[in-house]
Amino acid sequence: MYTLYYSPGVCSMSVHVTLEELGVDFETHKVDLSKGEQRSPEYLKINPRGQVGALMTPDGLVTENAAMIVYLNDAHGGNLIPAEGYERAKALQWLMYANSTLHPAYGKALFCKKNDLGDEAIKIACDAIQSQWDLIEQQLTDSGGPYLCGESFTAGDIYVAVVANWDFFPHKPTFGPKTKELLKTVTGRPAYQRAIATEEIEYKALAA
């Protein structure tokens, strides 16, 4: 049995969807970021970093979303990340891209907003976000398939779909047609829909 500590709609949702995709037994524990519960003594005993997500496993605690996803996939023989070779490297590449490039781009925009650095700084940060979505659109064109890795649905597709729904800044990115189709396909999967229902969020990225 696993326990996922999550906050609705944030990056931990990528782990939530992964758990659903793998069909393993798990329970969820909501951490309310608006109330600062990630800094509570109770939660810091679980994850001293004070971040979500966190995954309690039979082996112990795992943090960092990409690490949790790789651990789960490998532990259960999943196909969200191939077992070996170049195909595994490609899947890991796009998972790490979502975790370490796309996600931090949003973090910079949020930092500008929280610290009231002005609209020009926010616009620069949002332009950087747009460049990442343009890159994703190009990759989907080059891959020759509906997913980042072509015909294979992988963990990176899940993570990208989670990030696409973040709308906490004034300058919203524009998604290309192939990106929109990717988001529609990924979020339409039963596993993703179950995670949406549990976390009680609205997926707005495709509304425009």
C-alpha atoms as a PDB file:
ATOM      1  CA  MET A   1       0.000   0.000   0.000  1.00  0.00           C
ATOM      2  CA  TYR A   2       1.175   3.483  -0.884  1.00  0.00           C
ATOM      3  CA  THR A   3       0.212   6.836   0.594  1.00  0.00           C
ATOM      4  CA  LEU A   4       0.478   9.878  -1.642  1.00  0.00           C
ATOM      5  CA  TYR A   5       0.663  13.273   0.028  1.00  0.00           C
ATOM      6  CA  TYR A   6      -0.648  15.734  -2.533  1.00  0.00           C
ATOM      7  CA  SER A   7      -2.195  19.124  -3.102  1.00  0.00           C
ATOM      8  CA  PRO A   8      -4.936  19.432  -5.747  1.00  0.00           C
ATOM      9  CA  GLY A   9      -3.722  20.119  -9.262  1.00  0.00           C
ATOM     10  CA  VAL A  10      -0.063  20.744  -8.460  1.00  0.00           C
ATOM     11  CA  CYS A  11       2.902  18.693  -9.672  1.00  0.00           C
ATOM     12  CA  SER A  12       2.063  15.814  -7.321  1.00  0.00           C
ATOM     13  CA  MET A  13      -0.889  15.102  -9.601  1.00  0.00           C
ATOM     14  CA  SER A  14       1.550  13.512 -12.056  1.00  0.00           C
ATOM     15  CA  VAL A  15       2.290  10.873  -9.415  1.00  0.00           C
ATOM     16  CA  HIS A  16      -1.411  10.507  -8.651  1.00  0.00           C
ATOM     17  CA  VAL A  17      -2.181   9.778 -12.306  1.00  0.00           C
ATOM     18  CA  THR A  18       0.752   7.353 -12.447  1.00  0.00           C
ATOM     19  CA  LEU A  19      -0.631   5.406  -9.501  1.00  0.00           C
ATOM     20  CA  GLU A  20      -3.988   5.217 -11.244  1.00  0.00           C
ATOM     21  CA  GLU A  21      -2.394   4.145 -14.525  1.00  0.00           C
ATOM     22  CA  LEU A  22      -0.485   1.338 -12.796  1.00  0.00           C
ATOM     23  CA  GLY A  23      -3.596   0.091 -10.998  1.00  0.00           C
ATOM     24  CA  VAL A  24      -1.892  -0.331  -7.638  1.00  0.00           C
ATOM     25  CA  ASP A  25      -3.473   0.041  -4.196  1.00  0.00           C
ATOM     26  CA  PHE A  26      -2.922   3.467  -2.689  1.00  0.00           C
ATOM     27  CA  GLU A  27      -4.490   6.089  -0.493  1.00  0.00           C
ATOM     28  CA  THR A  28      -4.245   9.851  -0.710  1.00  0.00           C
ATOM     29  CA  HIS A  29      -3.641  12.455   1.966  1.00  0.00           C
ATOM     30  CA  LYS A  30      -4.424  16.051   1.012  1.00  0.00           C
ATOM     31  CA  VAL A  31      -1.979  18.750   2.106  1.00  0.00           C
ATOM     32  CA  ASP A  32      -3.634  22.179   1.995  1.00  0.00           C
ATOM     33  CA  LEU A  33      -1.005  24.601   0.728  1.00  0.00           C
ATOM     34  CA  SER A  34      -3.308  27.592   1.249  1.00  0.00           C
ATOM     35  CA  LYS A  35      -3.266  26.837   4.975  1.00  0.00           C
ATOM     36  CA  GLY A  36       0.481  26.215   5.054  1.00  0.00           C
ATOM     37  CA  GLU A  37       0.022  22.573   6.013  1.00  0.00           C
ATOM     38  CA  GLN A  38       3.222  21.682   4.140  1.00  0.00           C
ATOM     39  CA  ARG A  39       5.092  23.535   6.898  1.00  0.00           C
ATOM     40  CA  SER A  40       3.215  21.959   9.784  1.00  0.00           C
ATOM     41  CA  PRO A  41       5.238  19.916  12.287  1.00  0.00           C
ATOM     42  CA  GLU A  42       3.148  16.869  11.406  1.00  0.00           C
ATOM     43  CA  TYR A  43       3.964  17.065   7.712  1.00  0.00           C
ATOM     44  CA  LEU A  44       7.605  18.030   8.221  1.00  0.00           C
ATOM     45  CA  LYS A  45       8.035  14.757  10.110  1.00  0.00           C
ATOM     46  CA  ILE A  46       6.982  13.030   6.902  1.00  0.00           C
ATOM     47  CA  ASN A  47       8.852  15.246   4.457  1.00  0.00           C
ATOM     48  CA  PRO A  48      11.385  17.620   6.050  1.00  0.00           C
ATOM     49  CA  ARG A  49      11.604  19.512   2.750  1.00  0.00           C
ATOM     50  CA  GLY A  50       8.065  20.761   3.276  1.00  0.00           C
ATOM     51  CA  GLN A  51       7.036  20.006  -0.293  1.00  0.00           C
ATOM     52  CA  VAL A  52       4.382  17.978  -2.064  1.00  0.00           C
ATOM     53  CA  GLY A  53       4.236  15.418  -3.337  1.00  0.00           C
ATOM     54  CA  ALA A  54       5.643  12.783  -1.110  1.00  0.00           C
ATOM     55  CA  LEU A  55       5.084   9.074  -1.434  1.00  0.00           C
ATOM     56  CA  MET A  56       5.227   6.661   1.467  1.00  0.00           C
ATOM     57  CA  THR A  57       6.112   3.259   0.063  1.00  0.00           C
ATOM     58  CA  PRO A  58       6.698  -0.189   1.594  1.00  0.00           C
ATOM     59  CA  ASP A  59      10.413   0.608   1.240  1.00  0.00           C
ATOM     60  CA  GLY A  60      10.243   4.078   2.806  1.00  0.00           C
ATOM     61  CA  LEU A  61       9.609   7.653   1.743  1.00  0.00           C
ATOM     62  CA  VAL A  62      10.278   8.846  -1.808  1.00  0.00           C
ATOM     63  CA  THR A  63      10.121  12.539  -2.754  1.00  0.00           C
ATOM     64  CA  GLU A  64      10.613  14.483  -6.016  1.00  0.00           C
ATOM     65  CA  ASN A  65       7.899  13.728  -8.554  1.00  0.00           C
ATOM     66  CA  ALA A  66      10.109  12.284 -11.274  1.00  0.00           C
ATOM     67  CA  ALA A  67      11.786   9.948  -8.782  1.00  0.00           C
ATOM     68  CA  MET A  68       8.406   8.766  -7.483  1.00  0.00           C
ATOM     69  CA  ILE A  69       7.177   8.074 -11.010  1.00  0.00           C
ATOM     70  CA  VAL A  70      10.293   6.104 -11.974  1.00  0.00           C
ATOM     71  CA  TYR A  71      10.161   4.133  -8.724  1.00  0.00           C
ATOM     72  CA  LEU A  72       6.505   3.210  -9.197  1.00  0.00           C
ATOM     73  CA  ASN A  73       6.849   2.327 -12.856  1.00  0.00           C
ATOM     74  CA  ASP A  74       9.863   0.097 -12.258  1.00  0.00           C
ATOM     75  CA  ALA A  75       8.437  -1.515  -9.119  1.00  0.00           C
ATOM     76  CA  HIS A  76       5.307  -2.586 -10.970  1.00  0.00           C
ATOM     77  CA  GLY A  77       6.677  -3.329 -14.426  1.00  0.00           C
ATOM     78  CA  GLY A  78       4.804  -0.429 -15.956  1.00  0.00           C
ATOM     79  CA  ASN A  79       5.160   0.739 -19.534  1.00  0.00           C
ATOM     80  CA  LEU A  80       5.135   4.457 -18.763  1.00  0.00           C
ATOM     81  CA  ILE A  81       8.937   4.190 -18.932  1.00  0.00           C
ATOM     82  CA  PRO A  82      10.441   1.366 -21.008  1.00  0.00           C
ATOM     83  CA  ALA A  83      12.720  -1.062 -19.216  1.00  0.00           C
ATOM     84  CA  GLU A  84      15.954  -0.368 -21.070  1.00  0.00           C
ATOM     85  CA  GLY A  85      17.823   1.119 -23.974  1.00  0.00           C
ATOM     86  CA  TYR A  86      17.193   4.152 -26.121  1.00  0.00           C
ATOM     87  CA  GLU A  87      13.424   4.003 -25.676  1.00  0.00           C
ATOM     88  CA  ARG A  88      13.887   4.267 -21.906  1.00  0.00           C
ATOM     89  CA  ALA A  89      16.274   7.187 -22.371  1.00  0.00           C
ATOM     90  CA  LYS A  90      13.738   9.035 -24.537  1.00  0.00           C
ATOM     91  CA  ALA A  91      10.941   8.518 -22.032  1.00  0.00           C
ATOM     92  CA  LEU A  92      13.162   9.678 -19.171  1.00  0.00           C
ATOM     93  CA  GLN A  93      14.268  12.657 -21.242  1.00  0.00           C
ATOM     94  CA  TRP A  94      10.736  13.999 -21.544  1.00  0.00           C
ATOM     95  CA  LEU A  95       9.828  13.199 -17.945  1.00  0.00           C
ATOM     96  CA  MET A  96      12.910  15.084 -16.761  1.00  0.00           C
ATOM     97  CA  TYR A  97      12.160  17.908 -19.192  1.00  0.00           C
ATOM     98  CA  ALA A  98       8.706  18.340 -17.675  1.00  0.00           C
ATOM     99  CA  ASN A  99      10.105  18.131 -14.145  1.00  0.00           C
ATOM    100  CA  SER A 100      13.296  20.166 -14.554  1.00  0.00           C
ATOM    101  CA  THR A 101      12.645  22.602 -17.429  1.00  0.00           C
ATOM    102  CA  LEU A 102       8.927  23.182 -17.982  1.00  0.00           C
ATOM    103  CA  HIS A 103       7.937  23.132 -14.304  1.00  0.00           C
ATOM    104  CA  PRO A 104      10.704  25.555 -13.196  1.00  0.00           C
ATOM    105  CA  ALA A 105       9.720  27.956 -15.994  1.00  0.00           C
ATOM    106  CA  TYR A 106       6.345  28.284 -14.300  1.00  0.00           C
ATOM    107  CA  GLY A 107       8.095  28.634 -10.961  1.00  0.00           C
ATOM    108  CA  LYS A 108       9.938  31.710 -12.196  1.00  0.00           C
ATOM    109  CA  ALA A 109       6.677  33.347 -13.275  1.00  0.00           C
ATOM    110  CA  LEU A 110       5.137  32.575  -9.909  1.00  0.00           C
ATOM    111  CA  PHE A 111       8.184  34.043  -8.140  1.00  0.00           C
ATOM    112  CA  CYS A 112       7.777  37.289 -10.105  1.00  0.00           C
ATOM    113  CA  LYS A 113       4.102  37.446  -9.213  1.00  0.00           C
ATOM    114  CA  LYS A 114       4.538  36.656  -5.516  1.00  0.00           C
ATOM    115  CA  ASN A 115       7.317  39.207  -5.130  1.00  0.00           C
ATOM    116  CA  ASP A 116       5.459  41.907  -7.096  1.00  0.00           C
ATOM    117  CA  LEU A 117       8.296  42.359  -9.590  1.00  0.00           C
ATOM    118  CA  GLY A 118       6.018  44.061 -12.072  1.00  0.00           C
ATOM    119  CA  ASP A 119       4.280  43.119 -15.282  1.00  0.00           C
ATOM    120  CA  GLU A 120       7.402  43.406 -17.434  1.00  0.00           C
ATOM    121  CA  ALA A 121       9.226  40.777 -15.378  1.00  0.00           C
ATOM    122  CA  ILE A 122       6.152  38.537 -15.385  1.00  0.00           C
ATOM    123  CA  LYS A 123       5.818  38.968 -19.154  1.00  0.00           C
ATOM    124  CA  ILE A 124       9.449  37.921 -19.671  1.00  0.00           C
ATOM    125  CA  ALA A 125       8.889  34.848 -17.517  1.00  0.00           C
ATOM    126  CA  CYS A 126       5.689  34.023 -19.394  1.00  0.00           C
ATOM    127  CA  ASP A 127       7.458  34.395 -22.737  1.00  0.00           C
ATOM    128  CA  ALA A 128       9.930  31.786 -21.506  1.00  0.00           C
ATOM    129  CA  ILE A 129       7.001  29.495 -20.709  1.00  0.00           C
ATOM    130  CA  GLN A 130       5.605  30.009 -24.200  1.00  0.00           C
ATOM    131  CA  SER A 131       8.941  29.025 -25.725  1.00  0.00           C
ATOM    132  CA  GLN A 132       8.727  25.703 -23.875  1.00  0.00           C
ATOM    133  CA  TRP A 133       5.260  25.013 -25.234  1.00  0.00           C
ATOM    134  CA  ASP A 134       6.493  25.888 -28.719  1.00  0.00           C
ATOM    135  CA  LEU A 135       9.250  23.320 -28.228  1.00  0.00           C
ATOM    136  CA  ILE A 136       6.669  20.719 -27.164  1.00  0.00           C
ATOM    137  CA  GLU A 137       4.602  21.442 -30.269  1.00  0.00           C
ATOM    138  CA  GLN A 138       7.688  20.951 -32.420  1.00  0.00           C
ATOM    139  CA  GLN A 139       8.543  17.690 -30.658  1.00  0.00           C
ATOM    140  CA  LEU A 140       5.051  16.369 -31.265  1.00  0.00           C
ATOM    141  CA  THR A 141       5.475  17.239 -34.934  1.00  0.00           C
ATOM    142  CA  ASP A 142       8.888  15.580 -35.117  1.00  0.00           C
ATOM    143  CA  SER A 143       7.912  12.489 -33.117  1.00  0.00           C
ATOM    144  CA  GLY A 144       5.493  11.344 -35.808  1.00  0.00           C
ATOM    145  CA  GLY A 145       2.939  10.269 -33.245  1.00  0.00           C
ATOM    146  CA  PRO A 146       0.387  11.682 -30.852  1.00  0.00           C
ATOM    147  CA  TYR A 147       2.790  11.580 -27.879  1.00  0.00           C
ATOM    148  CA  LEU A 148       6.145  13.098 -27.008  1.00  0.00           C
ATOM    149  CA  CYS A 149       7.785   9.739 -27.743  1.00  0.00           C
ATOM    150  CA  GLY A 150       5.792   9.076 -30.885  1.00  0.00           C
ATOM    151  CA  GLU A 151       3.282   6.245 -30.634  1.00  0.00           C
ATOM    152  CA  SER A 152       4.199   5.430 -27.021  1.00  0.00           C
ATOM    153  CA  PHE A 153       2.338   7.037 -24.124  1.00  0.00           C
ATOM    154  CA  THR A 154       4.892   7.782 -21.418  1.00  0.00           C
ATOM    155  CA  ALA A 155       5.208   9.507 -18.067  1.00  0.00           C
ATOM    156  CA  GLY A 156       6.339  12.767 -19.654  1.00  0.00           C
ATOM    157  CA  ASP A 157       2.957  13.118 -21.348  1.00  0.00           C
ATOM    158  CA  ILE A 158       1.261  12.899 -17.943  1.00  0.00           C
ATOM    159  CA  TYR A 159       3.483  15.513 -16.343  1.00  0.00           C
ATOM    160  CA  VAL A 160       3.140  17.930 -19.265  1.00  0.00           C
ATOM    161  CA  ALA A 161      -0.652  17.648 -19.090  1.00  0.00           C
ATOM    162  CA  VAL A 162      -0.598  18.496 -15.384  1.00  0.00           C
ATOM    163  CA  VAL A 163       1.547  21.605 -15.907  1.00  0.00           C
ATOM    164  CA  ALA A 164      -0.639  22.798 -18.792  1.00  0.00           C
ATOM    165  CA  ASN A 165      -3.506  23.416 -16.381  1.00  0.00           C
ATOM    166  CA  TRP A 166      -1.619  25.953 -14.252  1.00  0.00           C
ATOM    167  CA  ASP A 167      -3.059  29.427 -14.818  1.00  0.00           C
ATOM    168  CA  PHE A 168      -1.821  31.577 -11.946  1.00  0.00           C
ATOM    169  CA  PHE A 169      -0.387  34.375 -14.118  1.00  0.00           C
ATOM    170  CA  PRO A 170      -1.948  36.942 -16.481  1.00  0.00           C
ATOM    171  CA  HIS A 171      -0.176  35.983 -19.722  1.00  0.00           C
ATOM    172  CA  LYS A 172      -1.527  32.564 -20.672  1.00  0.00           C
ATOM    173  CA  PRO A 173       0.446  30.365 -23.089  1.00  0.00           C
ATOM    174  CA  THR A 174      -0.937  29.430 -26.465  1.00  0.00           C
ATOM    175  CA  PHE A 175      -0.989  25.713 -27.198  1.00  0.00           C
ATOM    176  CA  GLY A 176      -0.438  24.492 -30.735  1.00  0.00           C
ATOM    177  CA  PRO A 177      -2.892  22.062 -32.381  1.00  0.00           C
ATOM    178  CA  LYS A 178      -0.788  18.967 -31.704  1.00  0.00           C
ATOM    179  CA  THR A 179      -0.314  20.016 -28.077  1.00  0.00           C
ATOM    180  CA  LYS A 180      -4.047  20.500 -27.653  1.00  0.00           C
ATOM    181  CA  GLU A 181      -4.650  17.042 -29.062  1.00  0.00           C
ATOM    182  CA  LEU A 182      -2.052  15.594 -26.684  1.00  0.00           C
ATOM    183  CA  LEU A 183      -3.705  17.248 -23.689  1.00  0.00           C
ATOM    184  CA  LYS A 184      -7.148  16.051 -24.793  1.00  0.00           C
ATOM    185  CA  THR A 185      -5.934  12.484 -25.241  1.00  0.00           C
ATOM    186  CA  VAL A 186      -3.998  12.296 -21.970  1.00  0.00           C
ATOM    187  CA  THR A 187      -6.614  13.924 -19.773  1.00  0.00           C
ATOM    188  CA  GLY A 188      -9.329  11.798 -21.345  1.00  0.00           C
ATOM    189  CA  ARG A 189      -7.728   8.594 -20.101  1.00  0.00           C
ATOM    190  CA  PRO A 190      -9.699   6.905 -17.284  1.00  0.00           C
ATOM    191  CA  ALA A 191      -6.731   7.130 -14.908  1.00  0.00           C
ATOM    192  CA  TYR A 192      -6.473  10.890 -15.396  1.00  0.00           C
ATOM    193  CA  GLN A 193     -10.212  11.328 -14.955  1.00  0.00           C
ATOM    194  CA  ARG A 194     -10.110   9.404 -11.671  1.00  0.00           C
ATOM    195  CA  ALA A 195      -7.339  11.657 -10.395  1.00  0.00           C
ATOM    196  CA  ILE A 196      -9.327  14.751 -11.405  1.00  0.00           C
ATOM    197  CA  ALA A 197     -12.353  13.435  -9.524  1.00  0.00           C
ATOM    198  CA  THR A 198     -10.354  12.666  -6.379  1.00  0.00           C
ATOM    199  CA  GLU A 199      -8.524  15.986  -6.354  1.00  0.00           C
ATOM    200  CA  GLU A 200     -11.717  17.853  -7.252  1.00  0.00           C
ATOM    201  CA  ILE A 201     -10.142  20.125  -9.829  1.00  0.00           C
ATOM    202  CA  GLU A 202     -11.394  21.550 -13.091  1.00  0.00           C
ATOM    203  CA  TYR A 203      -9.246  21.013 -16.157  1.00  0.00           C
ATOM    204  CA  LYS A 204      -9.288  24.405 -17.886  1.00  0.00           C
ATOM    205  CA  ALA A 205      -6.330  24.139 -20.254  1.00  0.00           C
ATOM    206  CA  LEU A 206      -8.520  23.045 -23.160  1.00  0.00           C
ATOM    207  CA  ALA A 207     -11.284  25.577 -22.553  1.00  0.00           C
ATOM    208  CA  ALA A 208      -9.895  28.216 -24.917  1.00  0.00           C
END
